[in-house]
Amino acid sequence: MKSDKKNSESILYIVATPIGNIEDITVRAISILKQANLVAAEDTRRASVLFSHYNITTPLISYYEQNEAKRSDLLIEKLKAGISIALISDAGVPLISDPGYRLVKKAAENNIKIVPIPGASAITASVSAAALPTDSFFFKGFTPKKKQKRIEAIKELKEYKATLIFFESPMRIKNFIKELSEILGDREAVLAREITKTYEEFIRGKLSAILNKLDLRNSVKGECTLLVAGKSEENLTDNLFSKELEHLLLKGENRLSEVVKNIADKYKISKKIVYDNAIRIKKGLNITLEDKTD
């Protein structure tokens, strides 16, 4: 492939693009996208909007999950021929819950120069504004869609002391928060929604409090990044309330509604969270719960 662009060199650039606000792109990233011979984009239509805004005329080629395997081989051949290619995803840094791993791995195996062009990231943006510990954090990204595998994935994180970071769709976020609270306990958390966009929002508080706020809405919109505090002395309360709840249920001296209210008041936890935990405990212990809470 020939190009009239100067200083053409076999380089694969990994370019970060805006995660929302179109102005969140570096001067260097714009320069690279203009000088590259070809840009591999997860969605060429979205890339065209960015290109139009910054007057970038470099040819585009699609590179997404469904064609990643075959397209990687094609792009490697082009790189071997001596052209430069910039890889971009729909938003943020490529390879972070986005396509690109196969291409970068093949490039490394073929001794092709790989150059990262840093920029916007939902991970660092949310961590910086969450007001949760930042000395150590663990990025999980999207958890499995199948419930059993998702539950197993959450359980594996129960002993982690680092702040946990998840990506989740707005359609599944409420159910996901409920599962987290049942498995990890009612920990401090932050839901970052629509980061850098017009309706950017950070909802802070216990998982139960965040869930209660979302329940008041007709729907949840926008991309969601959820940060959850890691295991610490502060959230040992979650284990205490679960153990006490299990003890009271086994004794069976009080109605379920009374047990739930007493536990919720004592540990300052949502009755809904306590009741959901009671149901989970009931299934595990095979005991009968005779009434429900409001």
C-alpha atoms as a PDB file:
ATOM      1  CA  MET A   1       0.000   0.000   0.000  1.00  0.00           C
ATOM      2  CA  LYS A   2       1.458   3.324  -1.023  1.00  0.00           C
ATOM      3  CA  SER A   3       0.819   6.639   0.627  1.00  0.00           C
ATOM      4  CA  ASP A   4       1.735  10.227  -0.114  1.00  0.00           C
ATOM      5  CA  LYS A   5       2.052  10.942   3.610  1.00  0.00           C
ATOM      6  CA  LYS A   6       5.566  11.756   4.724  1.00  0.00           C
ATOM      7  CA  ASN A   7       7.653   9.773   7.207  1.00  0.00           C
ATOM      8  CA  SER A   8       5.610   6.630   6.586  1.00  0.00           C
ATOM      9  CA  GLU A   9       6.821   3.927   8.983  1.00  0.00           C
ATOM     10  CA  SER A  10       5.570   0.547  10.129  1.00  0.00           C
ATOM     11  CA  ILE A  11       4.012   1.565  13.439  1.00  0.00           C
ATOM     12  CA  LEU A  12       0.828   0.511  15.207  1.00  0.00           C
ATOM     13  CA  TYR A  13      -0.534   3.398  17.260  1.00  0.00           C
ATOM     14  CA  ILE A  14      -3.021   2.669  20.068  1.00  0.00           C
ATOM     15  CA  VAL A  15      -4.956   5.929  20.245  1.00  0.00           C
ATOM     16  CA  ALA A  16      -7.298   7.006  23.041  1.00  0.00           C
ATOM     17  CA  THR A  17     -10.373   8.948  21.900  1.00  0.00           C
ATOM     18  CA  PRO A  18     -13.051  10.886  23.870  1.00  0.00           C
ATOM     19  CA  ILE A  19     -15.377   8.936  26.177  1.00  0.00           C
ATOM     20  CA  GLY A  20     -18.108  11.545  25.868  1.00  0.00           C
ATOM     21  CA  ASN A  21     -17.056  15.158  25.499  1.00  0.00           C
ATOM     22  CA  ILE A  22     -15.549  15.434  22.012  1.00  0.00           C
ATOM     23  CA  GLU A  23     -12.943  17.912  23.267  1.00  0.00           C
ATOM     24  CA  ASP A  24     -11.347  15.293  25.538  1.00  0.00           C
ATOM     25  CA  ILE A  25      -8.653  14.287  23.047  1.00  0.00           C
ATOM     26  CA  THR A  26      -4.984  15.187  23.106  1.00  0.00           C
ATOM     27  CA  VAL A  27      -3.210  17.332  20.528  1.00  0.00           C
ATOM     28  CA  ARG A  28      -0.862  14.398  19.932  1.00  0.00           C
ATOM     29  CA  ALA A  29      -3.762  12.004  19.274  1.00  0.00           C
ATOM     30  CA  ILE A  30      -5.198  14.351  16.627  1.00  0.00           C
ATOM     31  CA  SER A  31      -1.766  14.669  15.028  1.00  0.00           C
ATOM     32  CA  ILE A  32      -1.264  10.889  14.905  1.00  0.00           C
ATOM     33  CA  LEU A  33      -4.728  10.272  13.440  1.00  0.00           C
ATOM     34  CA  LYS A  34      -3.931  12.791  10.701  1.00  0.00           C
ATOM     35  CA  GLN A  35      -0.491  11.438   9.838  1.00  0.00           C
ATOM     36  CA  ALA A  36      -1.269   7.712   9.992  1.00  0.00           C
ATOM     37  CA  ASN A  37      -1.829   5.934   6.682  1.00  0.00           C
ATOM     38  CA  LEU A  38      -4.895   4.091   7.948  1.00  0.00           C
ATOM     39  CA  VAL A  39      -7.173   4.133  10.995  1.00  0.00           C
ATOM     40  CA  ALA A  40      -8.779   0.911  12.225  1.00  0.00           C
ATOM     41  CA  ALA A  41     -11.989   1.890  14.042  1.00  0.00           C
ATOM     42  CA  GLU A  42     -14.452  -0.144  16.097  1.00  0.00           C
ATOM     43  CA  ASP A  43     -17.290   1.843  14.516  1.00  0.00           C
ATOM     44  CA  THR A  44     -16.421   3.820  11.392  1.00  0.00           C
ATOM     45  CA  ARG A  45     -19.612   5.866  11.682  1.00  0.00           C
ATOM     46  CA  ARG A  46     -18.717   7.143  15.152  1.00  0.00           C
ATOM     47  CA  ALA A  47     -15.146   7.691  14.043  1.00  0.00           C
ATOM     48  CA  SER A  48     -16.399   9.792  11.120  1.00  0.00           C
ATOM     49  CA  VAL A  49     -18.059  12.211  13.543  1.00  0.00           C
ATOM     50  CA  LEU A  50     -14.770  12.676  15.387  1.00  0.00           C
ATOM     51  CA  PHE A  51     -12.850  12.992  12.111  1.00  0.00           C
ATOM     52  CA  SER A  52     -15.236  15.591  10.761  1.00  0.00           C
ATOM     53  CA  HIS A  53     -14.926  17.664  13.944  1.00  0.00           C
ATOM     54  CA  TYR A  54     -11.126  17.737  13.750  1.00  0.00           C
ATOM     55  CA  ASN A  55     -10.778  17.741   9.962  1.00  0.00           C
ATOM     56  CA  ILE A  56      -9.075  14.336   9.844  1.00  0.00           C
ATOM     57  CA  THR A  57      -9.105  12.791   6.352  1.00  0.00           C
ATOM     58  CA  THR A  58      -7.203   9.547   6.961  1.00  0.00           C
ATOM     59  CA  PRO A  59      -8.920   6.466   5.442  1.00  0.00           C
ATOM     60  CA  LEU A  60     -10.940   4.303   7.853  1.00  0.00           C
ATOM     61  CA  ILE A  61     -11.308   0.531   8.057  1.00  0.00           C
ATOM     62  CA  SER A  62     -13.654  -1.297  10.432  1.00  0.00           C
ATOM     63  CA  TYR A  63     -12.199  -3.370  13.250  1.00  0.00           C
ATOM     64  CA  TYR A  64     -14.716  -4.767  15.724  1.00  0.00           C
ATOM     65  CA  GLU A  65     -15.320  -7.889  17.792  1.00  0.00           C
ATOM     66  CA  GLN A  66     -16.976  -9.921  15.035  1.00  0.00           C
ATOM     67  CA  ASN A  67     -14.275  -9.332  12.404  1.00  0.00           C
ATOM     68  CA  GLU A  68     -11.293  -8.926  14.747  1.00  0.00           C
ATOM     69  CA  ALA A  69      -9.671 -12.290  13.986  1.00  0.00           C
ATOM     70  CA  LYS A  70      -9.643 -11.955  10.186  1.00  0.00           C
ATOM     71  CA  ARG A  71      -9.070  -8.217  10.119  1.00  0.00           C
ATOM     72  CA  SER A  72      -6.014  -8.553  12.391  1.00  0.00           C
ATOM     73  CA  ASP A  73      -4.223 -10.666   9.782  1.00  0.00           C
ATOM     74  CA  LEU A  74      -5.001  -8.105   7.074  1.00  0.00           C
ATOM     75  CA  LEU A  75      -3.741  -5.200   9.181  1.00  0.00           C
ATOM     76  CA  ILE A  76      -0.542  -7.044  10.087  1.00  0.00           C
ATOM     77  CA  GLU A  77       0.183  -7.565   6.405  1.00  0.00           C
ATOM     78  CA  LYS A  78      -0.312  -3.859   5.784  1.00  0.00           C
ATOM     79  CA  LEU A  79       2.006  -3.018   8.672  1.00  0.00           C
ATOM     80  CA  LYS A  80       4.627  -5.383   7.284  1.00  0.00           C
ATOM     81  CA  ALA A  81       4.342  -3.514   3.984  1.00  0.00           C
ATOM     82  CA  GLY A  82       5.593  -0.403   5.759  1.00  0.00           C
ATOM     83  CA  ILE A  83       2.532   1.686   6.587  1.00  0.00           C
ATOM     84  CA  SER A  84       1.412   3.171   9.878  1.00  0.00           C
ATOM     85  CA  ILE A  85      -1.958   2.239  11.386  1.00  0.00           C
ATOM     86  CA  ALA A  86      -3.829   3.894  14.249  1.00  0.00           C
ATOM     87  CA  LEU A  87      -6.253   1.753  16.254  1.00  0.00           C
ATOM     88  CA  ILE A  88      -9.226   3.438  17.939  1.00  0.00           C
ATOM     89  CA  SER A  89     -12.296   2.119  19.764  1.00  0.00           C
ATOM     90  CA  ASP A  90     -15.760   3.646  20.139  1.00  0.00           C
ATOM     91  CA  ALA A  91     -14.568   5.586  23.171  1.00  0.00           C
ATOM     92  CA  GLY A  92     -11.587   5.731  25.471  1.00  0.00           C
ATOM     93  CA  VAL A  93      -8.533   3.496  25.297  1.00  0.00           C
ATOM     94  CA  PRO A  94      -8.587   0.531  22.866  1.00  0.00           C
ATOM     95  CA  LEU A  95      -8.355  -2.975  24.381  1.00  0.00           C
ATOM     96  CA  ILE A  96      -9.952  -1.825  27.671  1.00  0.00           C
ATOM     97  CA  SER A  97     -13.193  -3.838  27.361  1.00  0.00           C
ATOM     98  CA  ASP A  98     -12.840  -3.164  23.615  1.00  0.00           C
ATOM     99  CA  PRO A  99     -11.350  -5.001  20.605  1.00  0.00           C
ATOM    100  CA  GLY A 100      -7.649  -4.839  19.844  1.00  0.00           C
ATOM    101  CA  TYR A 101      -5.880  -7.566  21.806  1.00  0.00           C
ATOM    102  CA  ARG A 102      -5.418  -9.895  18.831  1.00  0.00           C
ATOM    103  CA  LEU A 103      -3.950  -7.134  16.696  1.00  0.00           C
ATOM    104  CA  VAL A 104      -1.534  -5.899  19.363  1.00  0.00           C
ATOM    105  CA  LYS A 105      -0.447  -9.466  20.182  1.00  0.00           C
ATOM    106  CA  LYS A 106       0.231 -10.266  16.514  1.00  0.00           C
ATOM    107  CA  ALA A 107       2.086  -6.982  16.089  1.00  0.00           C
ATOM    108  CA  ALA A 108       4.322  -7.823  19.033  1.00  0.00           C
ATOM    109  CA  GLU A 109       4.942 -11.323  17.658  1.00  0.00           C
ATOM    110  CA  ASN A 110       6.012  -9.776  14.343  1.00  0.00           C
ATOM    111  CA  ASN A 111       8.323  -7.222  15.996  1.00  0.00           C
ATOM    112  CA  ILE A 112       6.198  -4.328  14.764  1.00  0.00           C
ATOM    113  CA  LYS A 113       6.614  -1.121  16.742  1.00  0.00           C
ATOM    114  CA  ILE A 114       3.638  -0.426  19.027  1.00  0.00           C
ATOM    115  CA  VAL A 115       3.128   3.117  20.321  1.00  0.00           C
ATOM    116  CA  PRO A 116       0.445   4.053  22.895  1.00  0.00           C
ATOM    117  CA  ILE A 117      -1.180   7.493  22.608  1.00  0.00           C
ATOM    118  CA  PRO A 118      -2.764   8.045  26.063  1.00  0.00           C
ATOM    119  CA  GLY A 119      -5.966   9.942  26.699  1.00  0.00           C
ATOM    120  CA  ALA A 120      -9.458   9.778  28.160  1.00  0.00           C
ATOM    121  CA  SER A 121     -10.455   6.702  30.152  1.00  0.00           C
ATOM    122  CA  ALA A 122     -13.629   5.987  32.114  1.00  0.00           C
ATOM    123  CA  ILE A 123     -11.517   4.090  34.633  1.00  0.00           C
ATOM    124  CA  THR A 124      -9.181   6.907  35.646  1.00  0.00           C
ATOM    125  CA  ALA A 125     -11.884   9.557  35.296  1.00  0.00           C
ATOM    126  CA  SER A 126     -14.247   7.754  37.667  1.00  0.00           C
ATOM    127  CA  VAL A 127     -11.521   6.812  40.161  1.00  0.00           C
ATOM    128  CA  SER A 128     -10.292  10.402  40.382  1.00  0.00           C
ATOM    129  CA  ALA A 129     -13.737  11.773  41.297  1.00  0.00           C
ATOM    130  CA  ALA A 130     -15.261   8.878  43.247  1.00  0.00           C
ATOM    131  CA  ALA A 131     -13.873   9.788  46.690  1.00  0.00           C
ATOM    132  CA  LEU A 132     -13.019   6.135  47.322  1.00  0.00           C
ATOM    133  CA  PRO A 133      -9.484   4.875  48.115  1.00  0.00           C
ATOM    134  CA  THR A 134      -7.196   5.233  45.083  1.00  0.00           C
ATOM    135  CA  ASP A 135      -3.968   3.714  46.422  1.00  0.00           C
ATOM    136  CA  SER A 136      -5.058   0.378  44.978  1.00  0.00           C
ATOM    137  CA  PHE A 137      -7.896  -0.514  42.632  1.00  0.00           C
ATOM    138  CA  PHE A 138      -8.918  -3.544  40.594  1.00  0.00           C
ATOM    139  CA  PHE A 139     -10.596  -3.174  37.213  1.00  0.00           C
ATOM    140  CA  LYS A 140     -13.009  -6.034  36.513  1.00  0.00           C
ATOM    141  CA  GLY A 141     -14.857  -4.424  33.616  1.00  0.00           C
ATOM    142  CA  PHE A 142     -17.979  -6.241  32.430  1.00  0.00           C
ATOM    143  CA  THR A 143     -18.945  -9.363  34.358  1.00  0.00           C
ATOM    144  CA  PRO A 144     -20.435 -12.429  32.590  1.00  0.00           C
ATOM    145  CA  LYS A 145     -23.991 -12.096  31.314  1.00  0.00           C
ATOM    146  CA  LYS A 146     -25.016 -15.540  32.577  1.00  0.00           C
ATOM    147  CA  LYS A 147     -26.129 -15.234  36.186  1.00  0.00           C
ATOM    148  CA  GLN A 148     -24.277 -18.205  37.675  1.00  0.00           C
ATOM    149  CA  LYS A 149     -20.964 -17.218  36.113  1.00  0.00           C
ATOM    150  CA  ARG A 150     -21.531 -13.612  37.174  1.00  0.00           C
ATOM    151  CA  ILE A 151     -22.223 -14.666  40.771  1.00  0.00           C
ATOM    152  CA  GLU A 152     -19.038 -16.756  40.796  1.00  0.00           C
ATOM    153  CA  ALA A 153     -17.047 -13.815  39.419  1.00  0.00           C
ATOM    154  CA  ILE A 154     -18.361 -11.527  42.180  1.00  0.00           C
ATOM    155  CA  LYS A 155     -17.607 -14.092  44.899  1.00  0.00           C
ATOM    156  CA  GLU A 156     -13.982 -14.233  43.737  1.00  0.00           C
ATOM    157  CA  LEU A 157     -13.679 -10.522  44.563  1.00  0.00           C
ATOM    158  CA  LYS A 158     -15.083 -10.733  48.082  1.00  0.00           C
ATOM    159  CA  GLU A 159     -11.690 -10.695  49.841  1.00  0.00           C
ATOM    160  CA  TYR A 160     -10.101  -8.028  47.621  1.00  0.00           C
ATOM    161  CA  LYS A 161      -9.039  -4.953  49.614  1.00  0.00           C
ATOM    162  CA  ALA A 162      -8.648  -2.778  46.527  1.00  0.00           C
ATOM    163  CA  THR A 163     -11.453  -0.552  45.226  1.00  0.00           C
ATOM    164  CA  LEU A 164     -13.387  -2.587  42.647  1.00  0.00           C
ATOM    165  CA  ILE A 165     -14.310  -1.096  39.274  1.00  0.00           C
ATOM    166  CA  PHE A 166     -17.044  -2.497  37.028  1.00  0.00           C
ATOM    167  CA  PHE A 167     -18.598  -1.550  33.706  1.00  0.00           C
ATOM    168  CA  GLU A 168     -22.314  -2.342  33.321  1.00  0.00           C
ATOM    169  CA  SER A 169     -25.135  -1.472  30.969  1.00  0.00           C
ATOM    170  CA  PRO A 170     -27.904   0.862  32.217  1.00  0.00           C
ATOM    171  CA  MET A 171     -30.455  -1.922  31.660  1.00  0.00           C
ATOM    172  CA  ARG A 172     -28.686  -4.338  34.029  1.00  0.00           C
ATOM    173  CA  ILE A 173     -27.161  -1.953  36.568  1.00  0.00           C
ATOM    174  CA  LYS A 174     -29.913  -2.210  39.229  1.00  0.00           C
ATOM    175  CA  ASN A 175     -29.907  -5.985  39.275  1.00  0.00           C
ATOM    176  CA  PHE A 176     -26.104  -5.980  39.323  1.00  0.00           C
ATOM    177  CA  ILE A 177     -25.989  -3.657  42.336  1.00  0.00           C
ATOM    178  CA  LYS A 178     -28.460  -5.919  44.133  1.00  0.00           C
ATOM    179  CA  GLU A 179     -26.258  -8.965  43.479  1.00  0.00           C
ATOM    180  CA  LEU A 180     -23.164  -7.128  44.687  1.00  0.00           C
ATOM    181  CA  SER A 181     -24.838  -6.100  47.955  1.00  0.00           C
ATOM    182  CA  GLU A 182     -26.018  -9.648  48.596  1.00  0.00           C
ATOM    183  CA  ILE A 183     -22.556 -11.149  48.027  1.00  0.00           C
ATOM    184  CA  LEU A 184     -20.130  -8.427  49.125  1.00  0.00           C
ATOM    185  CA  GLY A 185     -22.327  -6.752  51.723  1.00  0.00           C
ATOM    186  CA  ASP A 186     -23.733  -3.238  51.731  1.00  0.00           C
ATOM    187  CA  ARG A 187     -20.452  -1.476  50.969  1.00  0.00           C
ATOM    188  CA  GLU A 188     -19.690   2.122  50.122  1.00  0.00           C
ATOM    189  CA  ALA A 189     -19.867   2.650  46.386  1.00  0.00           C
ATOM    190  CA  VAL A 190     -20.095   5.222  43.609  1.00  0.00           C
ATOM    191  CA  LEU A 191     -22.074   4.990  40.402  1.00  0.00           C
ATOM    192  CA  ALA A 192     -20.505   7.186  37.710  1.00  0.00           C
ATOM    193  CA  ARG A 193     -22.907   7.755  34.848  1.00  0.00           C
ATOM    194  CA  GLU A 194     -22.455   9.621  31.547  1.00  0.00           C
ATOM    195  CA  ILE A 195     -18.893  10.648  32.445  1.00  0.00           C
ATOM    196  CA  THR A 196     -17.793  13.910  30.706  1.00  0.00           C
ATOM    197  CA  LYS A 197     -21.199  14.293  29.044  1.00  0.00           C
ATOM    198  CA  THR A 198     -23.906  16.895  29.642  1.00  0.00           C
ATOM    199  CA  TYR A 199     -25.772  14.800  32.216  1.00  0.00           C
ATOM    200  CA  GLU A 200     -22.703  13.489  34.040  1.00  0.00           C
ATOM    201  CA  GLU A 201     -23.632  12.149  37.465  1.00  0.00           C
ATOM    202  CA  PHE A 202     -21.889  10.604  40.473  1.00  0.00           C
ATOM    203  CA  ILE A 203     -24.171   8.827  42.952  1.00  0.00           C
ATOM    204  CA  ARG A 204     -22.327   8.105  46.200  1.00  0.00           C
ATOM    205  CA  GLY A 205     -23.320   6.048  49.233  1.00  0.00           C
ATOM    206  CA  LYS A 206     -23.958   2.487  50.311  1.00  0.00           C
ATOM    207  CA  LEU A 207     -24.957   0.064  47.555  1.00  0.00           C
ATOM    208  CA  SER A 208     -28.447  -0.034  49.076  1.00  0.00           C
ATOM    209  CA  ALA A 209     -28.721   3.773  48.985  1.00  0.00           C
ATOM    210  CA  ILE A 210     -27.650   3.894  45.333  1.00  0.00           C
ATOM    211  CA  LEU A 211     -30.175   1.188  44.488  1.00  0.00           C
ATOM    212  CA  ASN A 212     -32.937   3.073  46.305  1.00  0.00           C
ATOM    213  CA  LYS A 213     -32.187   6.218  44.281  1.00  0.00           C
ATOM    214  CA  LEU A 214     -32.260   4.286  41.015  1.00  0.00           C
ATOM    215  CA  ASP A 215     -35.557   2.623  41.988  1.00  0.00           C
ATOM    216  CA  LEU A 216     -37.162   6.082  42.083  1.00  0.00           C
ATOM    217  CA  ARG A 217     -36.396   6.578  38.380  1.00  0.00           C
ATOM    218  CA  ASN A 218     -38.388   5.305  35.431  1.00  0.00           C
ATOM    219  CA  SER A 219     -35.173   4.180  33.772  1.00  0.00           C
ATOM    220  CA  VAL A 220     -31.398   4.489  33.963  1.00  0.00           C
ATOM    221  CA  LYS A 221     -29.652   5.959  30.937  1.00  0.00           C
ATOM    222  CA  GLY A 222     -26.062   6.216  29.777  1.00  0.00           C
ATOM    223  CA  GLU A 223     -22.907   4.187  30.226  1.00  0.00           C
ATOM    224  CA  CYS A 224     -22.303   3.165  33.840  1.00  0.00           C
ATOM    225  CA  THR A 225     -19.069   2.726  35.765  1.00  0.00           C
ATOM    226  CA  LEU A 226     -19.560   1.324  39.254  1.00  0.00           C
ATOM    227  CA  LEU A 227     -16.878   1.581  41.940  1.00  0.00           C
ATOM    228  CA  VAL A 228     -17.191  -0.463  45.125  1.00  0.00           C
ATOM    229  CA  ALA A 229     -15.047  -0.195  48.245  1.00  0.00           C
ATOM    230  CA  GLY A 230     -12.776  -3.153  48.865  1.00  0.00           C
ATOM    231  CA  LYS A 231     -12.900  -5.346  51.955  1.00  0.00           C
ATOM    232  CA  SER A 232     -11.906  -3.393  55.058  1.00  0.00           C
ATOM    233  CA  GLU A 233     -12.561  -3.039  58.768  1.00  0.00           C
ATOM    234  CA  GLU A 234     -15.290  -0.544  57.923  1.00  0.00           C
ATOM    235  CA  ASN A 235     -17.394  -3.058  56.034  1.00  0.00           C
ATOM    236  CA  LEU A 236     -17.023  -5.857  58.581  1.00  0.00           C
ATOM    237  CA  THR A 237     -20.464  -4.636  59.670  1.00  0.00           C
ATOM    238  CA  ASP A 238     -21.842  -6.292  56.546  1.00  0.00           C
ATOM    239  CA  ASN A 239     -20.609  -9.688  57.728  1.00  0.00           C
ATOM    240  CA  LEU A 240     -21.919  -9.042  61.248  1.00  0.00           C
ATOM    241  CA  PHE A 241     -25.440  -8.238  60.106  1.00  0.00           C
ATOM    242  CA  SER A 242     -25.506 -11.333  57.856  1.00  0.00           C
ATOM    243  CA  LYS A 243     -24.405 -13.588  60.718  1.00  0.00           C
ATOM    244  CA  GLU A 244     -26.916 -12.068  63.146  1.00  0.00           C
ATOM    245  CA  LEU A 245     -29.682 -12.327  60.551  1.00  0.00           C
ATOM    246  CA  GLU A 246     -28.895 -16.004  60.012  1.00  0.00           C
ATOM    247  CA  HIS A 247     -28.892 -16.629  63.781  1.00  0.00           C
ATOM    248  CA  LEU A 248     -32.287 -14.954  64.294  1.00  0.00           C
ATOM    249  CA  LEU A 249     -33.835 -16.780  61.339  1.00  0.00           C
ATOM    250  CA  LEU A 250     -32.677 -20.132  62.692  1.00  0.00           C
ATOM    251  CA  LYS A 251     -34.125 -19.329  66.134  1.00  0.00           C
ATOM    252  CA  GLY A 252     -37.476 -18.516  64.544  1.00  0.00           C
ATOM    253  CA  GLU A 253     -38.753 -16.642  67.608  1.00  0.00           C
ATOM    254  CA  ASN A 254     -39.907 -13.541  65.721  1.00  0.00           C
ATOM    255  CA  ARG A 255     -41.776 -12.884  62.495  1.00  0.00           C
ATOM    256  CA  LEU A 256     -39.613 -12.116  59.473  1.00  0.00           C
ATOM    257  CA  SER A 257     -40.866  -8.523  59.259  1.00  0.00           C
ATOM    258  CA  GLU A 258     -39.764  -7.909  62.856  1.00  0.00           C
ATOM    259  CA  VAL A 259     -36.353  -9.489  62.282  1.00  0.00           C
ATOM    260  CA  VAL A 260     -35.778  -7.415  59.143  1.00  0.00           C
ATOM    261  CA  LYS A 261     -36.824  -4.159  60.827  1.00  0.00           C
ATOM    262  CA  ASN A 262     -34.614  -4.759  63.879  1.00  0.00           C
ATOM    263  CA  ILE A 263     -31.551  -5.632  61.782  1.00  0.00           C
ATOM    264  CA  ALA A 264     -32.126  -2.697  59.423  1.00  0.00           C
ATOM    265  CA  ASP A 265     -32.443  -0.255  62.326  1.00  0.00           C
ATOM    266  CA  LYS A 266     -29.452  -1.643  64.209  1.00  0.00           C
ATOM    267  CA  TYR A 267     -27.019  -1.602  61.284  1.00  0.00           C
ATOM    268  CA  LYS A 268     -28.600   1.324  59.410  1.00  0.00           C
ATOM    269  CA  ILE A 269     -29.205  -0.795  56.326  1.00  0.00           C
ATOM    270  CA  SER A 270     -32.089  -0.721  53.873  1.00  0.00           C
ATOM    271  CA  LYS A 271     -34.895  -3.147  54.815  1.00  0.00           C
ATOM    272  CA  LYS A 272     -34.951  -4.248  51.188  1.00  0.00           C
ATOM    273  CA  ILE A 273     -31.300  -5.339  51.394  1.00  0.00           C
ATOM    274  CA  VAL A 274     -31.921  -7.165  54.684  1.00  0.00           C
ATOM    275  CA  TYR A 275     -34.977  -8.926  53.279  1.00  0.00           C
ATOM    276  CA  ASP A 276     -33.133  -9.979  50.112  1.00  0.00           C
ATOM    277  CA  ASN A 277     -30.365 -11.417  52.293  1.00  0.00           C
ATOM    278  CA  ALA A 278     -32.960 -13.248  54.370  1.00  0.00           C
ATOM    279  CA  ILE A 279     -34.314 -14.894  51.218  1.00  0.00           C
ATOM    280  CA  ARG A 280     -30.793 -15.919  50.209  1.00  0.00           C
ATOM    281  CA  ILE A 281     -30.096 -17.339  53.671  1.00  0.00           C
ATOM    282  CA  LYS A 282     -33.415 -19.169  53.636  1.00  0.00           C
ATOM    283  CA  LYS A 283     -32.527 -20.924  50.398  1.00  0.00           C
ATOM    284  CA  GLY A 284     -29.148 -21.937  51.779  1.00  0.00           C
ATOM    285  CA  LEU A 285     -30.525 -23.217  55.073  1.00  0.00           C
ATOM    286  CA  ASN A 286     -33.752 -24.661  53.644  1.00  0.00           C
ATOM    287  CA  ILE A 287     -35.959 -22.937  56.222  1.00  0.00           C
ATOM    288  CA  THR A 288     -39.423 -21.447  55.797  1.00  0.00           C
ATOM    289  CA  LEU A 289     -40.054 -17.710  56.070  1.00  0.00           C
ATOM    290  CA  GLU A 290     -43.671 -17.137  56.981  1.00  0.00           C
ATOM    291  CA  ASP A 291     -44.117 -13.478  56.082  1.00  0.00           C
ATOM    292  CA  LYS A 292     -42.659 -10.634  54.046  1.00  0.00           C
ATOM    293  CA  THR A 293     -41.562  -7.121  54.829  1.00  0.00           C
ATOM    294  CA  ASP A 294     -42.850  -4.012  53.150  1.00  0.00           C
END
